[in-house]
All heavy atoms as atom14 arrays in JSON, in Angstrom:
{
  "sequence": "PKSRAEKKVRAAELLRSVGLDQSALGRYPHEFSGGQRQRIN",
  "atom14_mask": [
    [1, 1, 1, 1, 1, 1, 1, 0, 0, 0, 0, 0, 0, 0],
    [1, 1, 1, 1, 1, 1, 1, 1, 1, 0, 0, 0, 0, 0],
    [1, 1, 1, 1, 1, 1, 0, 0, 0, 0, 0, 0, 0, 0],
    [1, 1, 1, 1, 1, 1, 1, 1, 1, 1, 1, 0, 0, 0],
    [1, 1, 1, 1, 1, 0, 0, 0, 0, 0, 0, 0, 0, 0],
    [1, 1, 1, 1, 1, 1, 1, 1, 1, 0, 0, 0, 0, 0],
    [1, 1, 1, 1, 1, 1, 1, 1, 1, 0, 0, 0, 0, 0],
    [1, 1, 1, 1, 1, 1, 1, 1, 1, 0, 0, 0, 0, 0],
    [1, 1, 1, 1, 1, 1, 1, 0, 0, 0, 0, 0, 0, 0],
    [1, 1, 1, 1, 1, 1, 1, 1, 1, 1, 1, 0, 0, 0],
    [1, 1, 1, 1, 1, 0, 0, 0, 0, 0, 0, 0, 0, 0],
    [1, 1, 1, 1, 1, 0, 0, 0, 0, 0, 0, 0, 0, 0],
    [1, 1, 1, 1, 1, 1, 1, 1, 1, 0, 0, 0, 0, 0],
    [1, 1, 1, 1, 1, 1, 1, 1, 0, 0, 0, 0, 0, 0],
    [1, 1, 1, 1, 1, 1, 1, 1, 0, 0, 0, 0, 0, 0],
    [1, 1, 1, 1, 1, 1, 1, 1, 1, 1, 1, 0, 0, 0],
    [1, 1, 1, 1, 1, 1, 0, 0, 0, 0, 0, 0, 0, 0],
    [1, 1, 1, 1, 1, 1, 1, 0, 0, 0, 0, 0, 0, 0],
    [1, 1, 1, 1, 0, 0, 0, 0, 0, 0, 0, 0, 0, 0],
    [1, 1, 1, 1, 1, 1, 1, 1, 0, 0, 0, 0, 0, 0],
    [1, 1, 1, 1, 1, 1, 1, 1, 0, 0, 0, 0, 0, 0],
    [1, 1, 1, 1, 1, 1, 1, 1, 1, 0, 0, 0, 0, 0],
    [1, 1, 1, 1, 1, 1, 0, 0, 0, 0, 0, 0, 0, 0],
    [1, 1, 1, 1, 1, 0, 0, 0, 0, 0, 0, 0, 0, 0],
    [1, 1, 1, 1, 1, 1, 1, 1, 0, 0, 0, 0, 0, 0],
    [1, 1, 1, 1, 0, 0, 0, 0, 0, 0, 0, 0, 0, 0],
    [1, 1, 1, 1, 1, 1, 1, 1, 1, 1, 1, 0, 0, 0],
    [1, 1, 1, 1, 1, 1, 1, 1, 1, 1, 1, 1, 0, 0],
    [1, 1, 1, 1, 1, 1, 1, 0, 0, 0, 0, 0, 0, 0],
    [1, 1, 1, 1, 1, 1, 1, 1, 1, 1, 0, 0, 0, 0],
    [1, 1, 1, 1, 1, 1, 1, 1, 1, 0, 0, 0, 0, 0],
    [1, 1, 1, 1, 1, 1, 1, 1, 1, 1, 1, 0, 0, 0],
    [1, 1, 1, 1, 1, 1, 0, 0, 0, 0, 0, 0, 0, 0],
    [1, 1, 1, 1, 0, 0, 0, 0, 0, 0, 0, 0, 0, 0],
    [1, 1, 1, 1, 0, 0, 0, 0, 0, 0, 0, 0, 0, 0],
    [1, 1, 1, 1, 1, 1, 1, 1, 1, 0, 0, 0, 0, 0],
    [1, 1, 1, 1, 1, 1, 1, 1, 1, 1, 1, 0, 0, 0],
    [1, 1, 1, 1, 1, 1, 1, 1, 1, 0, 0, 0, 0, 0],
    [1, 1, 1, 1, 1, 1, 1, 1, 1, 1, 1, 0, 0, 0],
    [1, 1, 1, 1, 1, 1, 1, 1, 0, 0, 0, 0, 0, 0],
    [1, 1, 1, 1, 1, 1, 1, 1, 0, 0, 0, 0, 0, 0]
  ],
  "atom14_positions": [
    [[6.17, 9.82, 9.74], [6.01, 8.77, 10.76], [7.34, 8.12, 11.11], [8.17, 7.88, 10.24], [5.06, 7.77, 10.09], [4.35, 8.53, 9.04], [5.31, 9.57, 8.56], [0.0, 0.0, 0.0], [0.0, 0.0, 0.0], [0.0, 0.0, 0.0], [0.0, 0.0, 0.0], [0.0, 0.0, 0.0], [0.0, 0.0, 0.0], [0.0, 0.0, 0.0]],
    [[7.5, 7.83, 12.4], [8.75, 7.2, 12.86], [8.55, 5.74, 13.28], [9.34, 4.87, 12.93], [9.32, 7.98, 14.05], [9.62, 9.46, 13.74], [10.71, 9.62, 12.71], [11.18, 11.07, 12.61], [10.11, 11.97, 12.07], [0.0, 0.0, 0.0], [0.0, 0.0, 0.0], [0.0, 0.0, 0.0], [0.0, 0.0, 0.0], [0.0, 0.0, 0.0]],
    [[7.5, 5.46, 14.04], [7.29, 4.1, 14.52], [6.68, 3.23, 13.42], [6.02, 3.73, 12.51], [6.36, 4.1, 15.73], [5.03, 4.43, 15.34], [0.0, 0.0, 0.0], [0.0, 0.0, 0.0], [0.0, 0.0, 0.0], [0.0, 0.0, 0.0], [0.0, 0.0, 0.0], [0.0, 0.0, 0.0], [0.0, 0.0, 0.0], [0.0, 0.0, 0.0]],
    [[6.9, 1.94, 13.53], [6.36, 1.01, 12.54], [4.83, 1.05, 12.51], [4.22, 1.01, 11.45], [6.85, -0.41, 12.82], [6.34, -1.43, 11.79], [6.95, -2.8, 12.0], [6.39, -3.77, 11.07], [6.78, -3.95, 9.83], [7.75, -3.21, 9.34], [6.22, -4.87, 9.07], [0.0, 0.0, 0.0], [0.0, 0.0, 0.0], [0.0, 0.0, 0.0]],
    [[4.23, 1.17, 13.7], [2.76, 1.19, 13.76], [2.21, 2.42, 13.05], [1.23, 2.33, 12.29], [2.31, 1.17, 15.22], [0.0, 0.0, 0.0], [0.0, 0.0, 0.0], [0.0, 0.0, 0.0], [0.0, 0.0, 0.0], [0.0, 0.0, 0.0], [0.0, 0.0, 0.0], [0.0, 0.0, 0.0], [0.0, 0.0, 0.0], [0.0, 0.0, 0.0]],
    [[2.84, 3.58, 13.29], [2.36, 4.8, 12.64], [2.59, 4.74, 11.14], [1.75, 5.18, 10.35], [3.08, 6.02, 13.23], [2.5, 7.34, 12.76], [3.22, 8.54, 13.33], [4.23, 8.34, 14.05], [2.81, 9.68, 13.03], [0.0, 0.0, 0.0], [0.0, 0.0, 0.0], [0.0, 0.0, 0.0], [0.0, 0.0, 0.0], [0.0, 0.0, 0.0]],
    [[3.73, 4.18, 10.73], [4.0, 4.03, 9.3], [2.94, 3.16, 8.63], [2.49, 3.46, 7.53], [5.39, 3.43, 9.09], [6.54, 4.38, 9.36], [7.88, 3.68, 9.13], [9.05, 4.62, 9.39], [10.35, 3.94, 9.19], [0.0, 0.0, 0.0], [0.0, 0.0, 0.0], [0.0, 0.0, 0.0], [0.0, 0.0, 0.0], [0.0, 0.0, 0.0]],
    [[2.56, 2.1, 9.32], [1.57, 1.19, 8.73], [0.23, 1.89, 8.55], [-0.44, 1.72, 7.52], [1.42, -0.06, 9.6], [0.56, -1.14, 8.98], [0.6, -2.43, 9.78], [-0.23, -3.5, 9.1], [-0.17, -4.8, 9.84], [0.0, 0.0, 0.0], [0.0, 0.0, 0.0], [0.0, 0.0, 0.0], [0.0, 0.0, 0.0], [0.0, 0.0, 0.0]],
    [[-0.18, 2.68, 9.55], [-1.44, 3.4, 9.46], [-1.41, 4.4, 8.3], [-2.34, 4.47, 7.49], [-1.74, 4.12, 10.79], [-2.92, 5.09, 10.63], [-2.04, 3.11, 11.88], [0.0, 0.0, 0.0], [0.0, 0.0, 0.0], [0.0, 0.0, 0.0], [0.0, 0.0, 0.0], [0.0, 0.0, 0.0], [0.0, 0.0, 0.0], [0.0, 0.0, 0.0]],
    [[-0.34, 5.18, 8.21], [-0.23, 6.18, 7.16], [-0.11, 5.54, 5.78], [-0.65, 6.04, 4.79], [0.97, 7.09, 7.43], [0.82, 8.0, 8.64], [0.07, 9.27, 8.32], [0.82, 10.1, 7.39], [1.79, 10.93, 7.74], [2.13, 11.07, 9.02], [2.41, 11.66, 6.84], [0.0, 0.0, 0.0], [0.0, 0.0, 0.0], [0.0, 0.0, 0.0]],
    [[0.62, 4.42, 5.7], [0.76, 3.71, 4.43], [-0.6, 3.18, 3.96], [-0.91, 3.24, 2.76], [1.75, 2.58, 4.55], [0.0, 0.0, 0.0], [0.0, 0.0, 0.0], [0.0, 0.0, 0.0], [0.0, 0.0, 0.0], [0.0, 0.0, 0.0], [0.0, 0.0, 0.0], [0.0, 0.0, 0.0], [0.0, 0.0, 0.0], [0.0, 0.0, 0.0]],
    [[-1.39, 2.68, 4.89], [-2.74, 2.2, 4.53], [-3.59, 3.34, 4.01], [-4.37, 3.17, 3.06], [-3.39, 1.55, 5.75], [0.0, 0.0, 0.0], [0.0, 0.0, 0.0], [0.0, 0.0, 0.0], [0.0, 0.0, 0.0], [0.0, 0.0, 0.0], [0.0, 0.0, 0.0], [0.0, 0.0, 0.0], [0.0, 0.0, 0.0], [0.0, 0.0, 0.0]],
    [[-3.45, 4.53, 4.59], [-4.19, 5.7, 4.11], [-3.77, 6.06, 2.69], [-4.62, 6.4, 1.84], [-3.94, 6.89, 5.05], [-4.56, 6.73, 6.43], [-4.13, 7.84, 7.38], [-3.29, 8.68, 7.0], [-4.64, 7.86, 8.52], [0.0, 0.0, 0.0], [0.0, 0.0, 0.0], [0.0, 0.0, 0.0], [0.0, 0.0, 0.0], [0.0, 0.0, 0.0]],
    [[-2.47, 5.99, 2.43], [-1.98, 6.29, 1.08], [-2.53, 5.29, 0.07], [-2.94, 5.66, -1.04], [-0.45, 6.27, 1.05], [0.25, 7.49, 1.66], [1.74, 7.21, 1.77], [0.01, 8.73, 0.81], [0.0, 0.0, 0.0], [0.0, 0.0, 0.0], [0.0, 0.0, 0.0], [0.0, 0.0, 0.0], [0.0, 0.0, 0.0], [0.0, 0.0, 0.0]],
    [[-2.54, 4.01, 0.44], [-3.06, 3.0, -0.47], [-4.53, 3.22, -0.76], [-4.98, 3.1, -1.9], [-2.84, 1.59, 0.1], [-1.42, 1.04, 0.07], [-1.43, -0.42, 0.51], [-0.78, 1.16, -1.31], [0.0, 0.0, 0.0], [0.0, 0.0, 0.0], [0.0, 0.0, 0.0], [0.0, 0.0, 0.0], [0.0, 0.0, 0.0], [0.0, 0.0, 0.0]],
    [[-5.3, 3.57, 0.27], [-6.72, 3.83, 0.05], [-6.92, 5.02, -0.89], [-7.85, 5.03, -1.7], [-7.43, 4.07, 1.39], [-7.72, 2.8, 2.17], [-8.7, 3.05, 3.31], [-8.1, 3.84, 4.37], [-7.42, 3.34, 5.39], [-7.23, 2.02, 5.48], [-6.93, 4.12, 6.33], [0.0, 0.0, 0.0], [0.0, 0.0, 0.0], [0.0, 0.0, 0.0]],
    [[-6.03, 6.01, -0.78], [-6.17, 7.19, -1.64], [-5.95, 6.85, -3.11], [-6.43, 7.58, -3.99], [-5.2, 8.28, -1.21], [-3.87, 7.98, -1.56], [0.0, 0.0, 0.0], [0.0, 0.0, 0.0], [0.0, 0.0, 0.0], [0.0, 0.0, 0.0], [0.0, 0.0, 0.0], [0.0, 0.0, 0.0], [0.0, 0.0, 0.0], [0.0, 0.0, 0.0]],
    [[-5.23, 5.76, -3.39], [-5.0, 5.36, -4.79], [-5.86, 4.16, -5.18], [-5.66, 3.56, -6.23], [-3.51, 5.06, -5.06], [-2.66, 6.29, -4.81], [-3.01, 3.88, -4.25], [0.0, 0.0, 0.0], [0.0, 0.0, 0.0], [0.0, 0.0, 0.0], [0.0, 0.0, 0.0], [0.0, 0.0, 0.0], [0.0, 0.0, 0.0], [0.0, 0.0, 0.0]],
    [[-6.81, 3.79, -4.32], [-7.76, 2.75, -4.68], [-7.34, 1.34, -4.37], [-7.85, 0.4, -4.98], [0.0, 0.0, 0.0], [0.0, 0.0, 0.0], [0.0, 0.0, 0.0], [0.0, 0.0, 0.0], [0.0, 0.0, 0.0], [0.0, 0.0, 0.0], [0.0, 0.0, 0.0], [0.0, 0.0, 0.0], [0.0, 0.0, 0.0], [0.0, 0.0, 0.0]],
    [[-6.41, 1.17, -3.41], [-5.99, -0.17, -3.01], [-6.32, -0.41, -1.55], [-6.33, 0.52, -0.74], [-4.48, -0.35, -3.24], [-4.01, -0.37, -4.69], [-2.49, -0.43, -4.75], [-4.62, -1.54, -5.46], [0.0, 0.0, 0.0], [0.0, 0.0, 0.0], [0.0, 0.0, 0.0], [0.0, 0.0, 0.0], [0.0, 0.0, 0.0], [0.0, 0.0, 0.0]],
    [[-6.54, -1.67, -1.21], [-6.91, -2.04, 0.15], [-5.67, -2.2, 1.03], [-4.58, -2.5, 0.56], [-7.69, -3.35, 0.11], [-8.32, -3.69, 1.44], [-9.39, -3.16, 1.76], [-7.7, -4.49, 2.19], [0.0, 0.0, 0.0], [0.0, 0.0, 0.0], [0.0, 0.0, 0.0], [0.0, 0.0, 0.0], [0.0, 0.0, 0.0], [0.0, 0.0, 0.0]],
    [[-5.85, -2.05, 2.33], [-4.76, -2.19, 3.3], [-4.09, -3.57, 3.21], [-2.9, -3.71, 3.53], [-5.29, -1.97, 4.71], [-4.25, -2.11, 5.81], [-4.8, -1.79, 7.19], [-5.89, -1.24, 7.31], [-4.05, -2.13, 8.23], [0.0, 0.0, 0.0], [0.0, 0.0, 0.0], [0.0, 0.0, 0.0], [0.0, 0.0, 0.0], [0.0, 0.0, 0.0]],
    [[-4.83, -4.58, 2.77], [-4.27, -5.93, 2.69], [-3.09, -6.01, 1.74], [-2.28, -6.94, 1.81], [-5.35, -6.92, 2.25], [-5.83, -6.59, 0.95], [0.0, 0.0, 0.0], [0.0, 0.0, 0.0], [0.0, 0.0, 0.0], [0.0, 0.0, 0.0], [0.0, 0.0, 0.0], [0.0, 0.0, 0.0], [0.0, 0.0, 0.0], [0.0, 0.0, 0.0]],
    [[-2.95, -5.03, 0.84], [-1.82, -5.01, -0.09], [-0.49, -4.79, 0.61], [0.57, -5.13, 0.06], [-2.04, -3.93, -1.15], [0.0, 0.0, 0.0], [0.0, 0.0, 0.0], [0.0, 0.0, 0.0], [0.0, 0.0, 0.0], [0.0, 0.0, 0.0], [0.0, 0.0, 0.0], [0.0, 0.0, 0.0], [0.0, 0.0, 0.0], [0.0, 0.0, 0.0]],
    [[-0.49, -4.22, 1.81], [0.75, -3.87, 2.49], [1.67, -5.06, 2.72], [2.89, -4.91, 2.7], [0.45, -3.19, 3.83], [-0.16, -1.78, 3.77], [-0.58, -1.33, 5.17], [0.82, -0.81, 3.16], [0.0, 0.0, 0.0], [0.0, 0.0, 0.0], [0.0, 0.0, 0.0], [0.0, 0.0, 0.0], [0.0, 0.0, 0.0], [0.0, 0.0, 0.0]],
    [[1.1, -6.23, 2.95], [1.91, -7.4, 3.27], [2.29, -8.24, 2.06], [2.83, -9.35, 2.23], [0.0, 0.0, 0.0], [0.0, 0.0, 0.0], [0.0, 0.0, 0.0], [0.0, 0.0, 0.0], [0.0, 0.0, 0.0], [0.0, 0.0, 0.0], [0.0, 0.0, 0.0], [0.0, 0.0, 0.0], [0.0, 0.0, 0.0], [0.0, 0.0, 0.0]],
    [[2.04, -7.73, 0.86], [2.29, -8.52, -0.34], [3.45, -7.94, -1.15], [3.9, -6.82, -0.91], [1.01, -8.56, -1.19], [-0.14, -9.25, -0.46], [-1.48, -8.94, -1.1], [-1.57, -9.42, -2.46], [-2.61, -9.16, -3.27], [-3.6, -8.41, -2.84], [-2.61, -9.64, -4.5], [0.0, 0.0, 0.0], [0.0, 0.0, 0.0], [0.0, 0.0, 0.0]],
    [[3.93, -8.75, -2.1], [5.06, -8.37, -2.94], [4.57, -7.87, -4.3], [3.48, -8.22, -4.75], [6.0, -9.57, -3.13], [6.78, -9.93, -1.88], [6.3, -10.92, -1.02], [7.98, -9.3, -1.57], [7.0, -11.27, 0.13], [8.69, -9.64, -0.43], [8.2, -10.62, 0.41], [8.91, -10.96, 1.56], [0.0, 0.0, 0.0], [0.0, 0.0, 0.0]],
    [[5.4, -7.07, -5.0], [4.97, -6.5, -6.29], [4.48, -7.52, -7.31], [3.55, -7.23, -8.06], [6.22, -5.78, -6.77], [6.93, -5.37, -5.52], [6.69, -6.51, -4.57], [0.0, 0.0, 0.0], [0.0, 0.0, 0.0], [0.0, 0.0, 0.0], [0.0, 0.0, 0.0], [0.0, 0.0, 0.0], [0.0, 0.0, 0.0], [0.0, 0.0, 0.0]],
    [[5.1, -8.72, -7.35], [4.72, -9.68, -8.38], [3.29, -10.19, -8.22], [2.74, -10.79, -9.14], [5.69, -10.87, -8.4], [5.53, -11.81, -7.23], [6.24, -11.67, -6.06], [4.72, -12.88, -7.07], [5.89, -12.64, -5.22], [4.97, -13.38, -5.81], [0.0, 0.0, 0.0], [0.0, 0.0, 0.0], [0.0, 0.0, 0.0], [0.0, 0.0, 0.0]],
    [[2.68, -9.91, -7.07], [1.32, -10.36, -6.82], [0.27, -9.4, -7.39], [-0.93, -9.66, -7.24], [1.1, -10.55, -5.32], [2.04, -11.56, -4.68], [1.82, -11.68, -3.18], [0.7, -12.08, -2.78], [2.75, -11.37, -2.41], [0.0, 0.0, 0.0], [0.0, 0.0, 0.0], [0.0, 0.0, 0.0], [0.0, 0.0, 0.0], [0.0, 0.0, 0.0]],
    [[0.71, -8.32, -8.03], [-0.22, -7.3, -8.51], [-0.17, -7.16, -10.02], [0.86, -7.45, -10.65], [0.11, -5.94, -7.86], [-0.04, -5.92, -6.38], [1.05, -6.21, -5.56], [-1.25, -5.65, -5.79], [0.93, -6.21, -4.18], [-1.39, -5.64, -4.41], [-0.3, -5.93, -3.61], [0.0, 0.0, 0.0], [0.0, 0.0, 0.0], [0.0, 0.0, 0.0]],
    [[-1.25, -6.67, -10.57], [-1.3, -6.37, -12.0], [-0.51, -5.09, -12.28], [-0.1, -4.37, -11.36], [-2.75, -6.16, -12.43], [-3.27, -4.97, -11.85], [0.0, 0.0, 0.0], [0.0, 0.0, 0.0], [0.0, 0.0, 0.0], [0.0, 0.0, 0.0], [0.0, 0.0, 0.0], [0.0, 0.0, 0.0], [0.0, 0.0, 0.0], [0.0, 0.0, 0.0]],
    [[-0.31, -4.78, -13.56], [0.42, -3.58, -13.93], [-0.25, -2.32, -13.42], [0.41, -1.4, -12.93], [0.0, 0.0, 0.0], [0.0, 0.0, 0.0], [0.0, 0.0, 0.0], [0.0, 0.0, 0.0], [0.0, 0.0, 0.0], [0.0, 0.0, 0.0], [0.0, 0.0, 0.0], [0.0, 0.0, 0.0], [0.0, 0.0, 0.0], [0.0, 0.0, 0.0]],
    [[-1.58, -2.25, -13.55], [-2.29, -1.08, -13.07], [-2.19, -0.92, -11.56], [-2.03, 0.2, -11.05], [0.0, 0.0, 0.0], [0.0, 0.0, 0.0], [0.0, 0.0, 0.0], [0.0, 0.0, 0.0], [0.0, 0.0, 0.0], [0.0, 0.0, 0.0], [0.0, 0.0, 0.0], [0.0, 0.0, 0.0], [0.0, 0.0, 0.0], [0.0, 0.0, 0.0]],
    [[-2.27, -2.03, -10.83], [-2.13, -1.97, -9.38], [-0.7, -1.54, -8.99], [-0.52, -0.77, -8.05], [-2.45, -3.34, -8.78], [-3.93, -3.69, -8.84], [-4.19, -5.13, -8.46], [-3.34, -6.01, -8.64], [-5.38, -5.39, -7.93], [0.0, 0.0, 0.0], [0.0, 0.0, 0.0], [0.0, 0.0, 0.0], [0.0, 0.0, 0.0], [0.0, 0.0, 0.0]],
    [[0.28, -2.02, -9.72], [1.66, -1.61, -9.42], [1.84, -0.11, -9.65], [2.56, 0.54, -8.88], [2.64, -2.39, -10.3], [2.71, -3.87, -9.99], [3.8, -4.54, -10.78], [3.55, -5.98, -10.89], [4.47, -6.87, -11.24], [5.69, -6.48, -11.53], [4.17, -8.15, -11.33], [0.0, 0.0, 0.0], [0.0, 0.0, 0.0], [0.0, 0.0, 0.0]],
    [[1.21, 0.42, -10.69], [1.35, 1.85, -10.91], [0.66, 2.64, -9.8], [1.12, 3.72, -9.41], [0.81, 2.24, -12.29], [1.28, 3.58, -12.79], [2.77, 3.68, -12.96], [3.55, 3.58, -12.0], [3.22, 3.9, -14.2], [0.0, 0.0, 0.0], [0.0, 0.0, 0.0], [0.0, 0.0, 0.0], [0.0, 0.0, 0.0], [0.0, 0.0, 0.0]],
    [[-0.43, 2.12, -9.26], [-1.08, 2.75, -8.12], [-0.14, 2.76, -6.9], [-0.08, 3.75, -6.15], [-2.39, 2.03, -7.78], [-3.49, 2.25, -8.81], [-4.7, 1.37, -8.54], [-5.67, 1.48, -9.61], [-6.73, 2.3, -9.61], [-6.95, 3.08, -8.56], [-7.55, 2.32, -10.63], [0.0, 0.0, 0.0], [0.0, 0.0, 0.0], [0.0, 0.0, 0.0]],
    [[0.6, 1.69, -6.71], [1.59, 1.63, -5.62], [2.69, 2.66, -5.85], [3.12, 3.35, -4.91], [2.17, 0.21, -5.49], [1.08, -0.79, -5.07], [3.33, 0.18, -4.49], [1.47, -2.24, -5.23], [0.0, 0.0, 0.0], [0.0, 0.0, 0.0], [0.0, 0.0, 0.0], [0.0, 0.0, 0.0], [0.0, 0.0, 0.0], [0.0, 0.0, 0.0]],
    [[3.15, 2.77, -7.09], [4.15, 3.8, -7.41], [3.64, 5.2, -7.07], [4.38, 6.03, -6.53], [4.49, 3.75, -8.91], [5.45, 2.64, -9.25], [6.36, 2.34, -8.48], [5.27, 2.03, -10.4], [0.0, 0.0, 0.0], [0.0, 0.0, 0.0], [0.0, 0.0, 0.0], [0.0, 0.0, 0.0], [0.0, 0.0, 0.0], [0.0, 0.0, 0.0]]
  ]
}
């Protein structure tokens, strides 16, 4: 993906594939538990 909008859509798909909601995209790592951070990794 090149555009910001396309990146956001694809990133949300990746998060859903690891069991996280799209709302996580606008948050910082310190707001998540260790398990959630590993899902982001």
